[in-house]
Amino acid sequence: MHNGSCLCGAVAFTIDGNLSPPSVCHCGQCRKQSGHVWASTWTDQNNLNFTANDTLQWFCASDSARRGFCNACGSFLFWQHNDEDTISISMGALSAPTGLMLSKHIFVADKGDYYDITDDLPQRAH
């Protein structure tokens, strides 16, 4: 069981199920919404249960996915593809200890020009 919340606590949740090894996304949308890169894990959406979600708002960032955030504090919490039964959860929203370790970098072809990736994790162009 994992717990998580936004910065102000108005969106809070539990995850009762397995979480994927986290990845770091370098795409332009994640960088713009998070302020840098976005580290996330994913699980089956049925594993996610909200204990508070009055301020949860969804933004359709593209025709294929939506992004969930708290409209009170602005925390970027979720990413969900329209055609999948999984949901990505921000690693920063999870309470420690998570027991997880970063596994890869994705969308590195879109990474910002202001930083280098200096670890030895696998990198996917898209």
Protein backbone atom coordinates (compact mmCIF):
# COMPACT_ATOMS: atom_id res chain seq x y z
CA MET A 1 0.00 0.00 0.00
CA HIS A 2 1.30 3.44 -0.95
CA ASN A 3 -0.02 6.86 0.06
CA GLY A 4 0.29 10.15 -1.75
CA SER A 5 -0.99 13.68 -1.99
CA CYS A 6 -0.54 17.06 -3.57
CA LEU A 7 1.44 19.81 -1.82
CA CYS A 8 -1.57 21.23 0.05
CA GLY A 9 -3.19 17.85 0.79
CA ALA A 10 -6.50 18.63 -0.93
CA VAL A 11 -5.89 15.69 -3.28
CA ALA A 12 -4.89 12.56 -1.39
CA PHE A 13 -4.87 8.94 -2.47
CA THR A 14 -3.82 5.39 -1.74
CA ILE A 15 -2.53 2.78 -4.15
CA ASP A 16 -3.28 -0.83 -3.29
CA GLY A 17 -1.34 -2.76 -5.89
CA ASN A 18 1.95 -3.01 -7.71
CA LEU A 19 3.76 0.05 -9.03
CA SER A 20 5.99 -0.04 -12.09
CA PRO A 21 9.68 0.84 -11.90
CA PRO A 22 9.67 4.64 -12.29
CA SER A 23 10.87 6.48 -15.37
CA VAL A 24 11.92 10.06 -16.01
CA CYS A 25 10.12 11.80 -18.88
CA HIS A 26 11.93 14.54 -20.78
CA CYS A 27 9.13 15.42 -23.25
CA GLY A 28 8.23 19.06 -23.76
CA GLN A 29 4.79 18.72 -22.15
CA CYS A 30 6.13 17.16 -18.94
CA ARG A 31 8.91 19.75 -18.74
CA LYS A 32 6.45 22.62 -19.18
CA GLN A 33 3.91 21.28 -16.70
CA SER A 34 6.38 20.16 -14.02
CA GLY A 35 9.00 22.87 -14.46
CA HIS A 36 11.73 20.37 -15.40
CA VAL A 37 11.51 16.59 -15.92
CA TRP A 38 8.75 14.37 -14.55
CA ALA A 39 9.46 11.15 -12.68
CA SER A 40 6.52 8.78 -12.50
CA THR A 41 5.40 5.25 -11.85
CA TRP A 42 2.23 3.60 -13.13
CA THR A 43 -0.36 1.17 -11.90
CA ASP A 44 -3.73 -0.20 -12.93
CA GLN A 45 -6.27 2.61 -12.45
CA ASN A 46 -8.38 0.29 -10.26
CA ASN A 47 -5.52 0.29 -7.70
CA LEU A 48 -5.85 4.06 -7.18
CA ASN A 49 -8.33 5.22 -4.54
CA PHE A 50 -8.91 8.82 -3.53
CA THR A 51 -9.31 9.84 0.09
CA ALA A 52 -9.70 13.49 -1.00
CA ASN A 53 -10.15 14.84 -4.52
CA ASP A 54 -12.32 17.99 -4.41
CA THR A 55 -9.59 20.05 -6.10
CA LEU A 56 -8.49 17.40 -8.61
CA GLN A 57 -8.77 18.82 -12.11
CA TRP A 58 -7.94 17.24 -15.45
CA PHE A 59 -6.33 18.99 -18.41
CA CYS A 60 -6.50 17.38 -21.87
CA ALA A 61 -2.93 18.00 -22.97
CA SER A 62 -3.46 16.22 -26.30
CA ASP A 63 -6.02 14.17 -28.17
CA SER A 64 -4.67 11.01 -26.53
CA ALA A 65 -4.03 11.84 -22.86
CA ARG A 66 -5.00 13.92 -19.86
CA ARG A 67 -3.03 15.30 -16.93
CA GLY A 68 -4.39 15.52 -13.40
CA PHE A 69 -3.42 18.31 -11.02
CA CYS A 70 -4.61 20.06 -7.88
CA ASN A 71 -6.32 23.33 -8.76
CA ALA A 72 -5.55 24.72 -5.28
CA CYS A 73 -1.76 24.27 -5.08
CA GLY A 74 -0.95 23.38 -8.70
CA SER A 75 0.75 20.03 -8.05
CA PHE A 76 1.00 17.92 -11.23
CA LEU A 77 -0.05 14.46 -10.02
CA PHE A 78 -1.27 12.14 -12.80
CA TRP A 79 -0.98 11.34 -16.48
CA GLN A 80 -3.47 9.00 -18.16
CA HIS A 81 -3.71 7.79 -21.73
CA ASN A 82 -7.31 7.81 -23.00
CA ASP A 83 -7.16 4.22 -24.29
CA GLU A 84 -5.41 2.53 -21.37
CA ASP A 85 -6.52 1.15 -18.00
CA THR A 86 -3.35 2.36 -16.29
CA ILE A 87 -2.51 5.69 -14.69
CA SER A 88 0.88 7.32 -14.14
CA ILE A 89 1.52 8.87 -10.74
CA SER A 90 4.10 11.50 -9.87
CA MET A 91 6.93 10.06 -7.79
CA GLY A 92 7.07 13.35 -5.91
CA ALA A 93 3.47 12.91 -4.74
CA LEU A 94 4.17 9.55 -3.06
CA SER A 95 4.97 9.38 0.63
CA ALA A 96 8.36 7.88 1.50
CA PRO A 97 9.56 5.25 1.61
CA THR A 98 8.42 4.16 -1.84
CA GLY A 99 10.82 1.23 -2.22
CA LEU A 100 11.22 2.17 -5.89
CA MET A 101 14.27 3.18 -7.95
CA LEU A 102 14.40 4.99 -11.30
CA SER A 103 14.68 2.54 -14.18
CA LYS A 104 14.96 4.58 -17.40
CA HIS A 105 14.68 7.92 -19.19
CA ILE A 106 12.00 8.39 -21.86
CA PHE A 107 11.50 10.97 -24.61
CA VAL A 108 15.16 11.96 -24.41
CA ALA A 109 14.99 13.18 -28.03
CA ASP A 110 12.90 16.07 -26.64
CA LYS A 111 15.02 16.83 -23.57
CA GLY A 112 15.89 20.40 -22.72
CA ASP A 113 19.18 21.87 -23.90
CA TYR A 114 20.01 23.21 -20.43
CA TYR A 115 20.96 19.90 -18.77
CA ASP A 116 22.73 16.61 -19.40
CA ILE A 117 21.63 13.12 -18.41
CA THR A 118 24.60 11.84 -16.44
CA ASP A 119 23.46 8.51 -15.00
CA ASP A 120 23.79 5.09 -16.62
CA LEU A 121 20.06 4.32 -16.87
CA PRO A 122 18.67 3.22 -20.26
CA GLN A 123 17.45 6.01 -22.51
CA ARG A 124 14.55 5.80 -24.98
CA ALA A 125 14.28 8.42 -27.71
CA HIS A 126 10.46 8.36 -27.46
